[in-house]
C-alpha atoms as a PDB file:
ATOM      1  CA  MET A   1     -21.532  42.872 -24.272  1.00  0.00           C
ATOM      2  CA  MET A   2     -18.480  43.649 -22.124  1.00  0.00           C
ATOM      3  CA  TYR A   3     -20.772  44.366 -19.171  1.00  0.00           C
ATOM      4  CA  ASN A   4     -22.412  40.937 -19.520  1.00  0.00           C
ATOM      5  CA  ILE A   5     -19.092  39.147 -19.747  1.00  0.00           C
ATOM      6  CA  LEU A   6     -17.661  40.925 -16.707  1.00  0.00           C
ATOM      7  CA  SER A   7     -20.840  40.353 -14.743  1.00  0.00           C
ATOM      8  CA  THR A   8     -20.680  36.639 -15.510  1.00  0.00           C
ATOM      9  CA  ILE A   9     -17.053  36.505 -14.390  1.00  0.00           C
ATOM     10  CA  SER A  10     -17.969  38.308 -11.172  1.00  0.00           C
ATOM     11  CA  LEU A  11     -20.727  35.805 -10.486  1.00  0.00           C
ATOM     12  CA  LEU A  12     -18.437  32.854 -11.047  1.00  0.00           C
ATOM     13  CA  LEU A  13     -15.814  34.317  -8.739  1.00  0.00           C
ATOM     14  CA  LEU A  14     -18.410  34.931  -6.054  1.00  0.00           C
ATOM     15  CA  GLN A  15     -19.558  31.333  -6.340  1.00  0.00           C
ATOM     16  CA  LEU A  16     -15.955  30.190  -5.951  1.00  0.00           C
ATOM     17  CA  ILE A  17     -15.519  32.357  -2.853  1.00  0.00           C
ATOM     18  CA  THR A  18     -18.630  30.985  -1.207  1.00  0.00           C
ATOM     19  CA  ALA A  19     -18.057  27.373  -2.259  1.00  0.00           C
ATOM     20  CA  SER A  20     -16.652  25.508   0.716  1.00  0.00           C
ATOM     21  CA  ALA A  21     -15.121  22.097   0.259  1.00  0.00           C
ATOM     22  CA  SER A  22     -15.124  21.632   4.018  1.00  0.00           C
ATOM     23  CA  GLY A  23     -18.871  21.977   4.158  1.00  0.00           C
ATOM     24  CA  GLU A  24     -19.443  19.305   1.547  1.00  0.00           C
ATOM     25  CA  SER A  25     -16.786  16.625   1.881  1.00  0.00           C
ATOM     26  CA  CYS A  26     -14.668  17.246   4.962  1.00  0.00           C
ATOM     27  CA  GLY A  27     -15.073  14.826   7.823  1.00  0.00           C
ATOM     28  CA  LEU A  28     -13.167  13.684  10.855  1.00  0.00           C
ATOM     29  CA  CYS A  29     -10.936  11.395   8.741  1.00  0.00           C
ATOM     30  CA  LEU A  30      -9.966  11.067   5.089  1.00  0.00           C
ATOM     31  CA  PRO A  31     -12.158   8.533   3.238  1.00  0.00           C
ATOM     32  CA  THR A  32      -9.842   5.560   2.824  1.00  0.00           C
ATOM     33  CA  GLY A  33     -12.629   3.002   2.381  1.00  0.00           C
ATOM     34  CA  PRO A  34     -14.306   0.673   2.100  1.00  0.00           C
ATOM     35  CA  PRO A  35     -16.213   1.465  -0.032  1.00  0.00           C
ATOM     36  CA  TYR A  36     -13.174   2.543  -2.007  1.00  0.00           C
ATOM     37  CA  GLU A  37     -15.057   3.350  -5.199  1.00  0.00           C
ATOM     38  CA  ASP A  38     -16.456   6.511  -3.601  1.00  0.00           C
ATOM     39  CA  THR A  39     -13.226   8.432  -4.196  1.00  0.00           C
ATOM     40  CA  PHE A  40     -11.456   9.412  -7.405  1.00  0.00           C
ATOM     41  CA  LEU A  41      -7.778  10.187  -7.914  1.00  0.00           C
ATOM     42  CA  ILE A  42      -6.317  12.428 -10.592  1.00  0.00           C
ATOM     43  CA  THR A  43      -2.574  12.716 -11.132  1.00  0.00           C
ATOM     44  CA  ARG A  44      -0.448  15.131 -13.094  1.00  0.00           C
ATOM     45  CA  LEU A  45       3.197  14.473 -13.837  1.00  0.00           C
ATOM     46  CA  TRP A  46       4.510  17.609 -15.524  1.00  0.00           C
ATOM     47  CA  SER A  47       7.723  17.950 -17.507  1.00  0.00           C
ATOM     48  CA  ILE A  48       9.665  21.182 -16.919  1.00  0.00           C
ATOM     49  CA  GLN A  49      10.763  22.774 -20.192  1.00  0.00           C
ATOM     50  CA  SER A  50      12.397  25.956 -18.898  1.00  0.00           C
ATOM     51  CA  SER A  51      15.888  25.939 -17.426  1.00  0.00           C
ATOM     52  CA  SER A  52      14.916  29.033 -15.406  1.00  0.00           C
ATOM     53  CA  TRP A  53      12.481  27.058 -13.269  1.00  0.00           C
ATOM     54  CA  SER A  54      13.311  24.319 -10.784  1.00  0.00           C
ATOM     55  CA  ASP A  55      10.905  21.667  -9.578  1.00  0.00           C
ATOM     56  CA  LEU A  56      10.451  23.575  -6.309  1.00  0.00           C
ATOM     57  CA  ASP A  57       9.762  26.799  -8.213  1.00  0.00           C
ATOM     58  CA  VAL A  58       6.947  25.065 -10.074  1.00  0.00           C
ATOM     59  CA  ILE A  59       5.522  23.630  -6.867  1.00  0.00           C
ATOM     60  CA  GLU A  60       5.600  27.064  -5.225  1.00  0.00           C
ATOM     61  CA  GLU A  61       3.703  28.558  -8.159  1.00  0.00           C
ATOM     62  CA  PHE A  62       0.969  25.944  -7.840  1.00  0.00           C
ATOM     63  CA  ASN A  63       0.883  26.337  -4.071  1.00  0.00           C
ATOM     64  CA  GLU A  64       0.452  30.099  -4.284  1.00  0.00           C
ATOM     65  CA  GLY A  65      -1.929  30.234  -7.205  1.00  0.00           C
ATOM     66  CA  PHE A  66      -3.763  26.944  -7.656  1.00  0.00           C
ATOM     67  CA  ALA A  67      -4.010  25.528  -4.137  1.00  0.00           C
ATOM     68  CA  PRO A  68      -6.475  28.241  -3.013  1.00  0.00           C
ATOM     69  CA  ILE A  69      -8.644  27.382  -6.013  1.00  0.00           C
ATOM     70  CA  VAL A  70      -8.655  23.588  -5.962  1.00  0.00           C
ATOM     71  CA  THR A  71      -9.028  23.241  -2.181  1.00  0.00           C
ATOM     72  CA  ASN A  72     -12.242  25.258  -2.415  1.00  0.00           C
ATOM     73  CA  MET A  73     -13.755  23.288  -5.294  1.00  0.00           C
ATOM     74  CA  PRO A  74     -16.816  21.116  -4.492  1.00  0.00           C
ATOM     75  CA  GLY A  75     -15.935  17.572  -3.476  1.00  0.00           C
ATOM     76  CA  PHE A  76     -12.307  18.351  -2.618  1.00  0.00           C
ATOM     77  CA  ILE A  77     -10.541  15.787  -0.427  1.00  0.00           C
ATOM     78  CA  GLN A  78      -6.771  16.077  -1.001  1.00  0.00           C
ATOM     79  CA  TYR A  79      -4.128  17.987  -2.990  1.00  0.00           C
ATOM     80  CA  THR A  80      -0.523  16.734  -2.972  1.00  0.00           C
ATOM     81  CA  ALA A  81       2.729  17.839  -4.572  1.00  0.00           C
ATOM     82  CA  ALA A  82       6.042  16.001  -4.539  1.00  0.00           C
ATOM     83  CA  VAL A  83       9.453  16.197  -6.157  1.00  0.00           C
ATOM     84  CA  ASN A  84      10.795  13.327  -8.242  1.00  0.00           C
ATOM     85  CA  ASN A  85      14.285  12.199  -7.301  1.00  0.00           C
ATOM     86  CA  TYR A  86      14.400   9.990 -10.383  1.00  0.00           C
ATOM     87  CA  ASN A  87      14.077  13.011 -12.674  1.00  0.00           C
ATOM     88  CA  SER A  88      14.166  16.562 -11.296  1.00  0.00           C
ATOM     89  CA  SER A  89      12.839  17.934 -14.596  1.00  0.00           C
ATOM     90  CA  THR A  90       9.467  16.392 -13.739  1.00  0.00           C
ATOM     91  CA  VAL A  91       7.167  17.241 -10.851  1.00  0.00           C
ATOM     92  CA  TYR A  92       4.191  15.360  -9.434  1.00  0.00           C
ATOM     93  CA  PHE A  93       0.750  16.574  -8.330  1.00  0.00           C
ATOM     94  CA  SER A  94      -2.433  14.734  -7.438  1.00  0.00           C
ATOM     95  CA  ASN A  95      -5.953  15.395  -6.190  1.00  0.00           C
ATOM     96  CA  VAL A  96      -8.616  13.239  -4.603  1.00  0.00           C
ATOM     97  CA  PHE A  97     -12.282  14.177  -5.085  1.00  0.00           C
ATOM     98  CA  GLU A  98     -15.651  12.748  -4.151  1.00  0.00           C
ATOM     99  CA  SER A  99     -16.807  12.011  -7.697  1.00  0.00           C
ATOM    100  CA  GLN A 100     -15.413  11.382 -11.142  1.00  0.00           C
ATOM    101  CA  GLU A 101     -17.010  14.541 -12.519  1.00  0.00           C
ATOM    102  CA  LEU A 102     -15.646  16.763  -9.769  1.00  0.00           C
ATOM    103  CA  ALA A 103     -12.191  15.206 -10.128  1.00  0.00           C
ATOM    104  CA  HIS A 104     -12.283  15.829 -13.879  1.00  0.00           C
ATOM    105  CA  ASN A 105     -13.229  19.472 -13.275  1.00  0.00           C
ATOM    106  CA  ALA A 106     -10.151  19.864 -11.088  1.00  0.00           C
ATOM    107  CA  GLN A 107      -7.981  18.290 -13.773  1.00  0.00           C
ATOM    108  CA  LEU A 108      -9.243  20.821 -16.309  1.00  0.00           C
ATOM    109  CA  ALA A 109      -8.787  23.662 -13.834  1.00  0.00           C
ATOM    110  CA  ALA A 110      -5.133  22.727 -13.308  1.00  0.00           C
ATOM    111  CA  GLN A 111      -4.484  22.771 -17.041  1.00  0.00           C
ATOM    112  CA  GLU A 112      -6.254  26.103 -17.378  1.00  0.00           C
ATOM    113  CA  PHE A 113      -4.170  27.524 -14.524  1.00  0.00           C
ATOM    114  CA  VAL A 114      -1.028  26.614 -16.449  1.00  0.00           C
ATOM    115  CA  ALA A 115      -2.288  27.783 -19.839  1.00  0.00           C
ATOM    116  CA  ASN A 116      -3.291  31.210 -18.526  1.00  0.00           C
ATOM    117  CA  GLY A 117      -0.532  31.877 -16.021  1.00  0.00           C
ATOM    118  CA  ALA A 118       3.172  32.145 -15.361  1.00  0.00           C
ATOM    119  CA  LEU A 119       3.722  28.439 -16.034  1.00  0.00           C
ATOM    120  CA  LYS A 120       2.646  28.631 -19.671  1.00  0.00           C
ATOM    121  CA  ASP A 121       5.512  27.307 -21.818  1.00  0.00           C
ATOM    122  CA  VAL A 122       7.345  26.374 -18.601  1.00  0.00           C
ATOM    123  CA  ILE A 123       5.774  22.934 -18.080  1.00  0.00           C
ATOM    124  CA  VAL A 124       3.971  20.470 -20.326  1.00  0.00           C
ATOM    125  CA  PRO A 125       2.021  17.303 -19.484  1.00  0.00           C
ATOM    126  CA  TYR A 126       4.121  14.154 -19.152  1.00  0.00           C
ATOM    127  CA  TYR A 127       1.528  11.687 -17.839  1.00  0.00           C
ATOM    128  CA  PHE A 128      -1.936  12.549 -16.531  1.00  0.00           C
ATOM    129  CA  THR A 129      -4.406  10.033 -15.104  1.00  0.00           C
ATOM    130  CA  GLU A 130      -8.006  10.056 -13.908  1.00  0.00           C
ATOM    131  CA  SER A 131      -9.016   6.911 -12.064  1.00  0.00           C
ATOM    132  CA  THR A 132     -11.205   5.221  -9.490  1.00  0.00           C
ATOM    133  CA  VAL A 133      -9.540   4.266  -6.214  1.00  0.00           C
ATOM    134  CA  ALA A 134      -9.532   0.459  -6.033  1.00  0.00           C
ATOM    135  CA  PHE A 135      -7.931   0.368  -2.591  1.00  0.00           C
ATOM    136  CA  ASP A 136      -6.391   2.717  -0.050  1.00  0.00           C
ATOM    137  CA  ILE A 137      -4.661   0.815   2.721  1.00  0.00           C
ATOM    138  CA  ALA A 138      -3.524   3.030   5.594  1.00  0.00           C
ATOM    139  CA  ALA A 139      -1.475   2.300   8.701  1.00  0.00           C
ATOM    140  CA  ASP A 140      -3.892   4.360  10.808  1.00  0.00           C
ATOM    141  CA  GLU A 141      -7.632   3.782  10.981  1.00  0.00           C
ATOM    142  CA  CYS A 142      -8.233   7.539  10.962  1.00  0.00           C
ATOM    143  CA  VAL A 143      -6.057   9.607   8.627  1.00  0.00           C
ATOM    144  CA  ASN A 144      -6.440  13.278   9.544  1.00  0.00           C
ATOM    145  CA  THR A 145      -2.941  14.741   9.290  1.00  0.00           C
ATOM    146  CA  SER A 146      -1.007  16.058   6.333  1.00  0.00           C
ATOM    147  CA  HIS A 147       1.666  13.908   4.689  1.00  0.00           C
ATOM    148  CA  SER A 148       3.823  16.939   3.985  1.00  0.00           C
ATOM    149  CA  GLY A 149       7.494  16.175   4.571  1.00  0.00           C
ATOM    150  CA  MET A 150       7.003  12.427   4.129  1.00  0.00           C
ATOM    151  CA  TYR A 151       8.092  10.416   1.080  1.00  0.00           C
ATOM    152  CA  LEU A 152       5.890   9.478  -1.863  1.00  0.00           C
ATOM    153  CA  ASN A 153       6.569   6.961  -4.591  1.00  0.00           C
ATOM    154  CA  THR A 154       4.314   6.315  -7.573  1.00  0.00           C
ATOM    155  CA  ARG A 155       4.116   3.833 -10.424  1.00  0.00           C
ATOM    156  CA  LEU A 156       2.031   4.116 -13.594  1.00  0.00           C
ATOM    157  CA  TYR A 157       1.473   1.011 -15.717  1.00  0.00           C
ATOM    158  CA  LYS A 158      -0.033   0.374 -19.131  1.00  0.00           C
ATOM    159  CA  VAL A 159      -2.180  -2.775 -19.101  1.00  0.00           C
ATOM    160  CA  ILE A 160      -0.906  -5.158 -21.762  1.00  0.00           C
ATOM    161  CA  SER A 161      -3.190  -8.130 -21.208  1.00  0.00           C
ATOM    162  CA  VAL A 162      -5.674  -9.395 -18.642  1.00  0.00           C
ATOM    163  CA  ASN A 163      -6.519 -12.987 -17.776  1.00  0.00           C
ATOM    164  CA  ASN A 164      -9.793 -12.075 -16.103  1.00  0.00           C
ATOM    165  CA  GLU A 165     -12.010  -9.026 -15.875  1.00  0.00           C
ATOM    166  CA  LEU A 166     -10.056  -6.123 -14.421  1.00  0.00           C
ATOM    167  CA  THR A 167     -12.060  -4.915 -11.438  1.00  0.00           C
ATOM    168  CA  ALA A 168     -11.280  -3.157  -8.174  1.00  0.00           C
ATOM    169  CA  ASP A 169     -11.826  -6.403  -6.276  1.00  0.00           C
ATOM    170  CA  ALA A 170      -9.508  -8.290  -8.619  1.00  0.00           C
ATOM    171  CA  LEU A 171      -6.779  -5.667  -8.244  1.00  0.00           C
ATOM    172  CA  ARG A 172      -7.105  -5.693  -4.452  1.00  0.00           C
ATOM    173  CA  ASN A 173      -6.824  -9.472  -4.338  1.00  0.00           C
ATOM    174  CA  ASP A 174      -3.959  -9.574  -6.808  1.00  0.00           C
ATOM    175  CA  THR A 175      -1.886  -7.024  -4.916  1.00  0.00           C
ATOM    176  CA  ALA A 176      -2.718  -8.278  -1.394  1.00  0.00           C
ATOM    177  CA  PRO A 177       0.674 -10.017  -0.879  1.00  0.00           C
ATOM    178  CA  LEU A 178       2.502  -6.871  -1.953  1.00  0.00           C
ATOM    179  CA  ALA A 179       0.306  -4.732   0.306  1.00  0.00           C
ATOM    180  CA  SER A 180       1.226  -6.970   3.227  1.00  0.00           C
ATOM    181  CA  ALA A 181       4.923  -6.608   2.424  1.00  0.00           C
ATOM    182  CA  PHE A 182       4.628  -2.823   2.213  1.00  0.00           C
ATOM    183  CA  ALA A 183       2.830  -2.635   5.555  1.00  0.00           C
ATOM    184  CA  LYS A 184       5.732  -4.425   7.240  1.00  0.00           C
ATOM    185  CA  GLN A 185       8.253  -1.813   6.093  1.00  0.00           C
ATOM    186  CA  PRO A 186       9.337   0.757   8.730  1.00  0.00           C
ATOM    187  CA  GLY A 187       7.481   4.044   8.410  1.00  0.00           C
ATOM    188  CA  PHE A 188       4.611   2.688   6.300  1.00  0.00           C
ATOM    189  CA  VAL A 189       1.779   5.230   5.952  1.00  0.00           C
ATOM    190  CA  ASN A 190      -0.397   4.080   3.041  1.00  0.00           C
ATOM    191  CA  TYR A 191      -0.677   2.129  -0.197  1.00  0.00           C
ATOM    192  CA  VAL A 192      -3.093   3.200  -2.940  1.00  0.00           C
ATOM    193  CA  GLY A 193      -4.112   1.469  -6.169  1.00  0.00           C
ATOM    194  CA  THR A 194      -6.360   2.847  -8.903  1.00  0.00           C
ATOM    195  CA  ILE A 195      -7.812   1.829 -12.270  1.00  0.00           C
ATOM    196  CA  THR A 196      -8.620   4.248 -15.075  1.00  0.00           C
ATOM    197  CA  GLU A 197     -12.155   4.163 -16.439  1.00  0.00           C
ATOM    198  CA  ASP A 198     -11.028   2.622 -19.738  1.00  0.00           C
ATOM    199  CA  LYS A 199      -9.122  -0.017 -17.700  1.00  0.00           C
ATOM    200  CA  GLU A 200      -6.018   0.592 -19.765  1.00  0.00           C
ATOM    201  CA  TYR A 201      -3.865   2.009 -16.980  1.00  0.00           C
ATOM    202  CA  LEU A 202      -3.061   1.138 -13.365  1.00  0.00           C
ATOM    203  CA  PHE A 203      -1.636   3.624 -10.886  1.00  0.00           C
ATOM    204  CA  PHE A 204      -0.080   2.810  -7.521  1.00  0.00           C
ATOM    205  CA  SER A 205       1.432   4.967  -4.804  1.00  0.00           C
ATOM    206  CA  ASN A 206       2.979   4.585  -1.373  1.00  0.00           C
ATOM    207  CA  VAL A 207       3.697   7.050   1.397  1.00  0.00           C
ATOM    208  CA  PHE A 208       6.371   6.401   4.020  1.00  0.00           C
ATOM    209  CA  ASP A 209       7.881   8.619   6.688  1.00  0.00           C
ATOM    210  CA  ASP A 210      11.203   6.867   6.080  1.00  0.00           C
ATOM    211  CA  LEU A 211      13.150   7.492   2.855  1.00  0.00           C
ATOM    212  CA  SER A 212      14.889   4.120   2.844  1.00  0.00           C
ATOM    213  CA  SER A 213      11.569   2.284   3.147  1.00  0.00           C
ATOM    214  CA  ALA A 214      10.082   4.406   0.371  1.00  0.00           C
ATOM    215  CA  GLN A 215      12.938   3.454  -1.930  1.00  0.00           C
ATOM    216  CA  THR A 216      12.622  -0.227  -1.017  1.00  0.00           C
ATOM    217  CA  ALA A 217       8.866  -0.163  -1.603  1.00  0.00           C
ATOM    218  CA  ASN A 218       9.182   1.359  -5.052  1.00  0.00           C
ATOM    219  CA  ASN A 219      11.728  -1.272  -6.041  1.00  0.00           C
ATOM    220  CA  MET A 220       9.399  -3.984  -4.735  1.00  0.00           C
ATOM    221  CA  GLY A 221       6.459  -2.518  -6.617  1.00  0.00           C
ATOM    222  CA  VAL A 222       8.315  -2.169  -9.901  1.00  0.00           C
ATOM    223  CA  SER A 223       9.667  -5.714  -9.793  1.00  0.00           C
ATOM    224  CA  SER A 224       6.462  -7.472  -8.766  1.00  0.00           C
ATOM    225  CA  ALA A 225       3.674  -5.684 -10.632  1.00  0.00           C
ATOM    226  CA  ASN A 226       4.745  -6.338 -14.210  1.00  0.00           C
ATOM    227  CA  ASN A 227       3.425  -9.887 -14.334  1.00  0.00           C
ATOM    228  CA  THR A 228       0.663 -11.050 -11.973  1.00  0.00           C
ATOM    229  CA  ASP A 229      -2.159 -13.594 -11.851  1.00  0.00           C
ATOM    230  CA  GLU A 230      -4.461 -11.003 -13.405  1.00  0.00           C
ATOM    231  CA  GLY A 231      -2.262 -10.238 -16.417  1.00  0.00           C
ATOM    232  CA  ASP A 232       0.703  -8.301 -17.730  1.00  0.00           C
ATOM    233  CA  SER A 233       1.497  -4.590 -17.583  1.00  0.00           C
ATOM    234  CA  ALA A 234       4.319  -2.290 -18.623  1.00  0.00           C
ATOM    235  CA  LEU A 235       5.799   0.434 -16.432  1.00  0.00           C
ATOM    236  CA  LEU A 236       5.387   3.862 -18.026  1.00  0.00           C
ATOM    237  CA  ALA A 237       6.640   6.159 -15.279  1.00  0.00           C
ATOM    238  CA  ALA A 238       7.793   6.058 -11.672  1.00  0.00           C
ATOM    239  CA  THR A 239       8.478   8.820  -9.168  1.00  0.00           C
ATOM    240  CA  GLU A 240      10.064   8.968  -5.740  1.00  0.00           C
ATOM    241  CA  GLY A 241      10.597  11.992  -3.537  1.00  0.00           C
ATOM    242  CA  LYS A 242       9.605  14.218  -0.652  1.00  0.00           C
ATOM    243  CA  ILE A 243       6.049  15.517  -0.393  1.00  0.00           C
ATOM    244  CA  ILE A 244       6.362  19.305  -0.472  1.00  0.00           C
ATOM    245  CA  PHE A 245       2.762  20.115   0.363  1.00  0.00           C
ATOM    246  CA  ASP A 246      -0.310  18.064   1.165  1.00  0.00           C
ATOM    247  CA  TYR A 247      -3.671  19.781   1.636  1.00  0.00           C
ATOM    248  CA  ILE A 248      -6.286  17.535   3.170  1.00  0.00           C
ATOM    249  CA  CYS A 249      -9.941  18.055   3.898  1.00  0.00           C
ATOM    250  CA  THR A 250     -10.563  16.992   7.494  1.00  0.00           C
ATOM    251  CA  GLU A 251     -11.995  18.506  10.656  1.00  0.00           C
ATOM    252  CA  GLY A 252     -14.002  21.063   8.708  1.00  0.00           C
ATOM    253  CA  ASP A 253     -11.009  22.969   7.295  1.00  0.00           C
ATOM    254  CA  ALA A 254      -9.364  22.190   3.980  1.00  0.00           C
ATOM    255  CA  SER A 255      -6.054  23.786   4.968  1.00  0.00           C
ATOM    256  CA  VAL A 256      -5.691  23.283   8.712  1.00  0.00           C
ATOM    257  CA  ASN A 257      -3.435  20.247   8.297  1.00  0.00           C
ATOM    258  CA  SER A 258      -1.506  21.535   5.310  1.00  0.00           C
ATOM    259  CA  THR A 259       2.085  22.685   5.398  1.00  0.00           C
ATOM    260  CA  LEU A 260       4.489  23.842   2.744  1.00  0.00           C
ATOM    261  CA  VAL A 261       8.134  22.860   2.980  1.00  0.00           C
ATOM    262  CA  PRO A 262       9.801  26.013   1.596  1.00  0.00           C
ATOM    263  CA  SER A 263      12.367  25.793  -1.144  1.00  0.00           C
ATOM    264  CA  SER A 264      15.875  27.093  -0.713  1.00  0.00           C
ATOM    265  CA  SER A 265      15.357  29.684  -3.434  1.00  0.00           C
ATOM    266  CA  ALA A 266      12.537  31.942  -4.469  1.00  0.00           C
ATOM    267  CA  SER A 267      10.614  31.382  -7.675  1.00  0.00           C
ATOM    268  CA  THR A 268      12.150  33.165 -10.636  1.00  0.00           C
ATOM    269  CA  SER A 269       8.751  34.032 -12.025  1.00  0.00           C
ATOM    270  CA  GLY A 270       5.108  34.215 -11.091  1.00  0.00           C
ATOM    271  CA  ALA A 271       3.050  35.819  -8.379  1.00  0.00           C
ATOM    272  CA  ASN A 272       3.871  35.724  -4.700  1.00  0.00           C
ATOM    273  CA  THR A 273       0.856  37.303  -3.064  1.00  0.00           C
ATOM    274  CA  GLY A 274       0.602  35.139   0.046  1.00  0.00           C
ATOM    275  CA  ARG A 275      -3.109  36.037   0.191  1.00  0.00           C
ATOM    276  CA  THR A 276      -5.940  33.696   1.037  1.00  0.00           C
ATOM    277  CA  LEU A 277      -8.532  32.776  -1.580  1.00  0.00           C
ATOM    278  CA  PRO A 278     -11.323  35.118  -0.414  1.00  0.00           C
ATOM    279  CA  VAL A 279      -8.999  38.119  -0.120  1.00  0.00           C
ATOM    280  CA  TYR A 280      -7.393  37.442  -3.472  1.00  0.00           C
ATOM    281  CA  LEU A 281     -10.664  36.943  -5.307  1.00  0.00           C
ATOM    282  CA  MET A 282     -12.281  39.915  -3.641  1.00  0.00           C
ATOM    283  CA  SER A 283      -9.499  42.091  -5.007  1.00  0.00           C
ATOM    284  CA  VAL A 284     -10.251  40.692  -8.464  1.00  0.00           C
ATOM    285  CA  LEU A 285     -13.935  41.460  -7.988  1.00  0.00           C
ATOM    286  CA  VAL A 286     -13.132  45.025  -7.073  1.00  0.00           C
ATOM    287  CA  ALA A 287     -11.148  45.407 -10.283  1.00  0.00           C
ATOM    288  CA  ILE A 288     -13.980  43.915 -12.326  1.00  0.00           C
ATOM    289  CA  SER A 289     -16.504  46.153 -10.627  1.00  0.00           C
ATOM    290  CA  THR A 290     -14.413  49.151 -11.584  1.00  0.00           C
ATOM    291  CA  LEU A 291     -14.399  48.051 -15.211  1.00  0.00           C
ATOM    292  CA  ILE A 292     -18.167  47.477 -15.224  1.00  0.00           C
ATOM    293  CA  HIS A 293     -18.877  50.931 -13.897  1.00  0.00           C
END
């Protein structure tokens, strides 16, 4: 029985080693659309429960342990982490994947990483979303560089009422004036809007390379999105802060454009191997092989 279990684990790890996101979804540029509905965004806003861990400690733990996993999952497009200046006891992560199913798998994998690792009892879910990208408006026609070091703001809304059917087209049209205003701000990089499958939640984000513009944009978004021609919504959560890492899948390499802005202090807990995914998993396979034999 033990032999079968360990053999199955070995097989799964081998599949993970050989799975290459770059071979399946990486292209010259990130897919910003149209068609927008071909990409799916998942977000995770975690609440830090332990006073021994800072937001940067948590981000480092995910960067060291989960980034090698998620960036090699089928359909991977992007993995982002950012601090939240509004509340340093929360920390933001998101992924973009090619399909809803693959995005959902990554969401589950992130939760499993926490449940079975050093972050267990350190962080708990605050708000998680899984949604279809309704629009992704970028300043550049070809986005192929990491946003690490830039500034991200996000806004999550609960839909209260709708005057018409809530569709991607309707959301794009309804937010067009705001999108135009964002694009005129100095340092504008992109503006993203998504709708959850149950159409009960809306998620928006902006990236700027200028902190002042990022702050202005979030204030604009919060004040103008509560009541629109399409209906009413209530703000559930907002974040604003520097992007600490941003892995993107372009040019055939899921990590070539990714950088990590180091924290000022080392993590108080958790692994710090610094190894790449294949090397790390191969070491696990060797241990399993030893147990089997």
